[in-house]
N, C-alpha and C. Protein backbone atom coordinates (compact mmCIF):
# COMPACT_ATOMS: atom_id res chain seq x y z
N UNK A 1 -19.72 11.94 -2.90
CA UNK A 1 -19.41 11.06 -1.83
C UNK A 1 -17.84 11.03 -1.60
N UNK A 2 -17.09 10.97 -2.63
CA UNK A 2 -15.72 10.87 -2.53
C UNK A 2 -14.97 12.11 -1.81
N UNK A 3 -15.70 13.36 -1.89
CA UNK A 3 -15.18 14.51 -1.35
C UNK A 3 -15.55 14.60 0.12
N UNK A 4 -16.34 13.61 0.72
CA UNK A 4 -16.66 13.84 2.08
C UNK A 4 -15.43 13.78 2.94
N UNK A 5 -14.44 12.95 2.59
CA UNK A 5 -13.29 12.79 3.47
C UNK A 5 -12.08 13.39 2.89
N UNK A 6 -12.21 14.09 1.75
CA UNK A 6 -11.13 14.73 1.12
C UNK A 6 -10.31 13.94 0.20
N UNK A 7 -10.74 12.78 -0.26
CA UNK A 7 -9.87 11.89 -1.12
C UNK A 7 -9.58 12.58 -2.41
N UNK A 8 -10.44 13.40 -2.95
CA UNK A 8 -10.38 14.10 -4.29
C UNK A 8 -9.43 15.29 -4.21
N UNK A 9 -9.08 15.72 -2.92
CA UNK A 9 -8.35 16.99 -2.83
C UNK A 9 -6.89 16.80 -3.31
N UNK A 10 -6.31 17.84 -3.90
CA UNK A 10 -5.06 17.96 -4.54
C UNK A 10 -4.05 17.75 -3.43
N UNK A 11 -3.12 16.99 -3.59
CA UNK A 11 -1.97 16.92 -2.50
C UNK A 11 -1.20 18.23 -2.63
N UNK A 12 -0.63 18.70 -1.45
CA UNK A 12 0.17 19.86 -1.39
C UNK A 12 1.38 19.77 -2.28
N UNK A 13 1.93 20.93 -2.75
CA UNK A 13 3.15 20.89 -3.55
C UNK A 13 4.34 20.28 -2.68
N UNK A 14 5.05 19.59 -3.38
CA UNK A 14 6.36 18.99 -2.78
C UNK A 14 6.17 17.74 -1.94
N UNK A 15 4.87 17.25 -1.83
CA UNK A 15 4.62 16.08 -1.08
C UNK A 15 4.75 14.80 -2.06
N UNK A 16 5.01 13.66 -1.50
CA UNK A 16 5.05 12.47 -2.31
C UNK A 16 6.47 12.21 -2.98
N UNK A 17 7.40 12.94 -2.53
CA UNK A 17 8.83 12.75 -2.98
C UNK A 17 9.49 11.64 -2.23
N UNK A 18 10.71 11.31 -2.57
CA UNK A 18 11.36 10.24 -1.85
C UNK A 18 11.65 10.68 -0.40
N UNK A 19 11.67 12.10 -0.11
CA UNK A 19 11.86 12.51 1.30
C UNK A 19 10.59 12.85 1.99
N UNK A 20 9.51 12.01 1.65
CA UNK A 20 8.24 12.20 2.17
C UNK A 20 8.27 12.00 3.73
N UNK A 21 7.61 12.71 4.60
CA UNK A 21 7.72 12.46 5.98
C UNK A 21 6.97 11.09 6.42
N UNK A 22 7.32 10.66 7.58
CA UNK A 22 6.77 9.41 8.14
C UNK A 22 5.36 9.54 8.35
N UNK A 23 4.85 10.85 8.66
CA UNK A 23 3.42 11.02 8.86
C UNK A 23 2.69 10.67 7.59
N UNK A 24 3.22 10.94 6.42
CA UNK A 24 2.58 10.59 5.20
C UNK A 24 2.43 9.15 5.11
N UNK A 25 3.39 8.37 5.38
CA UNK A 25 3.28 6.96 5.46
C UNK A 25 2.15 6.41 6.32
N UNK A 26 2.13 6.99 7.56
CA UNK A 26 1.03 6.62 8.49
C UNK A 26 -0.30 6.92 7.91
N UNK A 27 -0.41 8.16 7.26
CA UNK A 27 -1.69 8.51 6.74
C UNK A 27 -1.98 7.61 5.54
N UNK A 28 -1.09 7.26 4.75
CA UNK A 28 -1.40 6.30 3.66
C UNK A 28 -1.82 5.01 4.10
N UNK A 29 -1.18 4.45 5.22
CA UNK A 29 -1.73 3.25 5.82
C UNK A 29 -3.11 3.31 6.30
N UNK A 30 -3.33 4.43 7.08
CA UNK A 30 -4.69 4.74 7.58
C UNK A 30 -5.72 4.71 6.46
N UNK A 31 -5.54 5.46 5.37
CA UNK A 31 -6.49 5.52 4.24
C UNK A 31 -6.67 4.18 3.61
N UNK A 32 -5.54 3.45 3.63
CA UNK A 32 -5.58 1.97 2.94
C UNK A 32 -6.43 1.05 3.80
N UNK A 33 -6.21 1.13 5.11
CA UNK A 33 -7.00 0.28 6.02
C UNK A 33 -8.47 0.71 5.90
N UNK A 34 -8.77 2.01 5.82
CA UNK A 34 -10.11 2.42 5.70
C UNK A 34 -10.85 1.92 4.29
N UNK A 35 -9.95 2.02 3.30
CA UNK A 35 -10.49 1.52 1.98
C UNK A 35 -10.77 0.02 2.02
N UNK A 36 -9.79 -0.76 2.71
CA UNK A 36 -10.06 -2.21 2.74
C UNK A 36 -11.27 -2.56 3.52
N UNK A 37 -11.44 -1.88 4.65
CA UNK A 37 -12.63 -2.04 5.49
C UNK A 37 -13.91 -1.76 4.60
N UNK A 38 -13.88 -0.71 3.93
CA UNK A 38 -15.17 -0.43 3.05
C UNK A 38 -15.24 -1.43 1.92
N UNK A 39 -14.21 -1.97 1.37
CA UNK A 39 -14.30 -2.86 0.23
C UNK A 39 -14.87 -4.18 0.88
N UNK A 40 -14.36 -4.50 1.98
CA UNK A 40 -14.84 -5.79 2.66
C UNK A 40 -16.44 -5.71 2.92
N UNK A 41 -16.68 -4.52 3.46
CA UNK A 41 -18.19 -4.34 3.81
C UNK A 41 -19.04 -4.35 2.58
N UNK A 42 -18.56 -3.73 1.41
CA UNK A 42 -19.34 -3.82 0.12
C UNK A 42 -19.36 -5.17 -0.36
N UNK A 43 -18.35 -5.96 -0.29
CA UNK A 43 -18.37 -7.45 -0.61
C UNK A 43 -19.36 -8.21 0.15
N UNK A 44 -19.35 -7.99 1.54
CA UNK A 44 -20.34 -8.71 2.33
C UNK A 44 -21.83 -8.25 1.92
N UNK A 45 -21.93 -7.04 1.66
CA UNK A 45 -23.40 -6.64 1.29
C UNK A 45 -23.79 -7.24 -0.10
N UNK A 46 -22.83 -7.27 -1.04
CA UNK A 46 -23.20 -7.80 -2.32
C UNK A 46 -23.40 -9.37 -2.17
N UNK A 47 -22.66 -10.09 -1.33
CA UNK A 47 -22.96 -11.45 -1.09
C UNK A 47 -24.33 -11.73 -0.44
N UNK A 48 -24.70 -10.92 0.41
CA UNK A 48 -25.99 -10.96 1.14
C UNK A 48 -27.09 -10.68 0.06
N UNK A 49 -26.98 -9.75 -0.81
CA UNK A 49 -27.96 -9.40 -1.71
C UNK A 49 -28.09 -10.30 -2.94
N UNK A 50 -27.00 -10.85 -3.34
CA UNK A 50 -26.98 -11.69 -4.47
C UNK A 50 -26.35 -13.10 -4.17
N UNK A 51 -26.97 -13.87 -3.43
CA UNK A 51 -26.40 -15.10 -2.89
C UNK A 51 -25.88 -16.11 -4.01
N UNK A 52 -26.63 -16.16 -5.09
CA UNK A 52 -26.18 -17.13 -6.22
C UNK A 52 -24.87 -16.68 -6.80
N UNK A 53 -24.81 -15.39 -7.14
CA UNK A 53 -23.62 -14.87 -7.69
C UNK A 53 -22.49 -14.97 -6.65
N UNK A 54 -22.77 -14.84 -5.44
CA UNK A 54 -21.66 -14.86 -4.51
C UNK A 54 -21.13 -16.30 -4.36
N UNK A 55 -22.06 -17.29 -4.44
CA UNK A 55 -21.68 -18.68 -4.37
C UNK A 55 -20.84 -19.10 -5.62
N UNK A 56 -21.30 -18.52 -6.79
CA UNK A 56 -20.49 -18.79 -8.01
C UNK A 56 -19.06 -18.18 -7.86
N UNK A 57 -18.95 -17.04 -7.32
CA UNK A 57 -17.76 -16.25 -7.12
C UNK A 57 -16.85 -17.12 -6.19
N UNK A 58 -17.33 -17.64 -5.03
CA UNK A 58 -16.60 -18.46 -4.13
C UNK A 58 -16.08 -19.77 -4.81
N UNK A 59 -16.91 -20.36 -5.61
CA UNK A 59 -16.50 -21.54 -6.39
C UNK A 59 -15.36 -21.27 -7.33
N UNK A 60 -15.49 -20.10 -7.98
CA UNK A 60 -14.43 -19.76 -8.93
C UNK A 60 -13.08 -19.48 -8.19
N UNK A 61 -13.15 -18.84 -7.01
CA UNK A 61 -11.96 -18.58 -6.24
C UNK A 61 -11.43 -19.89 -5.71
N UNK A 62 -12.15 -20.75 -5.23
CA UNK A 62 -11.76 -22.10 -4.86
C UNK A 62 -11.08 -22.76 -5.87
N UNK A 63 -11.64 -22.73 -7.14
CA UNK A 63 -10.92 -23.39 -8.33
C UNK A 63 -9.56 -22.78 -8.56
N UNK A 64 -9.60 -21.43 -8.54
CA UNK A 64 -8.32 -20.68 -8.69
C UNK A 64 -7.29 -21.23 -7.75
N UNK A 65 -7.64 -21.39 -6.45
CA UNK A 65 -6.80 -21.73 -5.49
C UNK A 65 -6.26 -23.19 -5.66
N UNK A 66 -7.22 -24.07 -6.09
CA UNK A 66 -6.85 -25.45 -6.43
C UNK A 66 -5.84 -25.65 -7.49
N UNK A 67 -6.01 -24.91 -8.42
CA UNK A 67 -5.14 -24.98 -9.68
C UNK A 67 -3.88 -24.16 -9.59
N UNK A 68 -3.73 -23.27 -8.55
CA UNK A 68 -2.48 -22.49 -8.38
C UNK A 68 -1.30 -23.34 -8.11
N UNK A 69 -0.27 -23.10 -8.82
CA UNK A 69 1.01 -23.78 -8.51
C UNK A 69 1.97 -22.88 -7.81
N UNK A 70 2.72 -23.40 -6.77
CA UNK A 70 3.76 -22.62 -6.14
C UNK A 70 4.96 -22.66 -6.98
């Protein structure tokens, strides 16, 4: 599944250095946005399939936010 869009492909030689082109940055942002969309979709699916666990996770997150100090 990971190779369907080439995520496991080796990067070309010389890429990823400090002089990486702006296109690489745009590609990285595009891949990150895609990843975050898929992550959110998976989370929503899990919440729908396991409502009790999802509710417990929401409660834990709320408690974390309540006890967080700036």
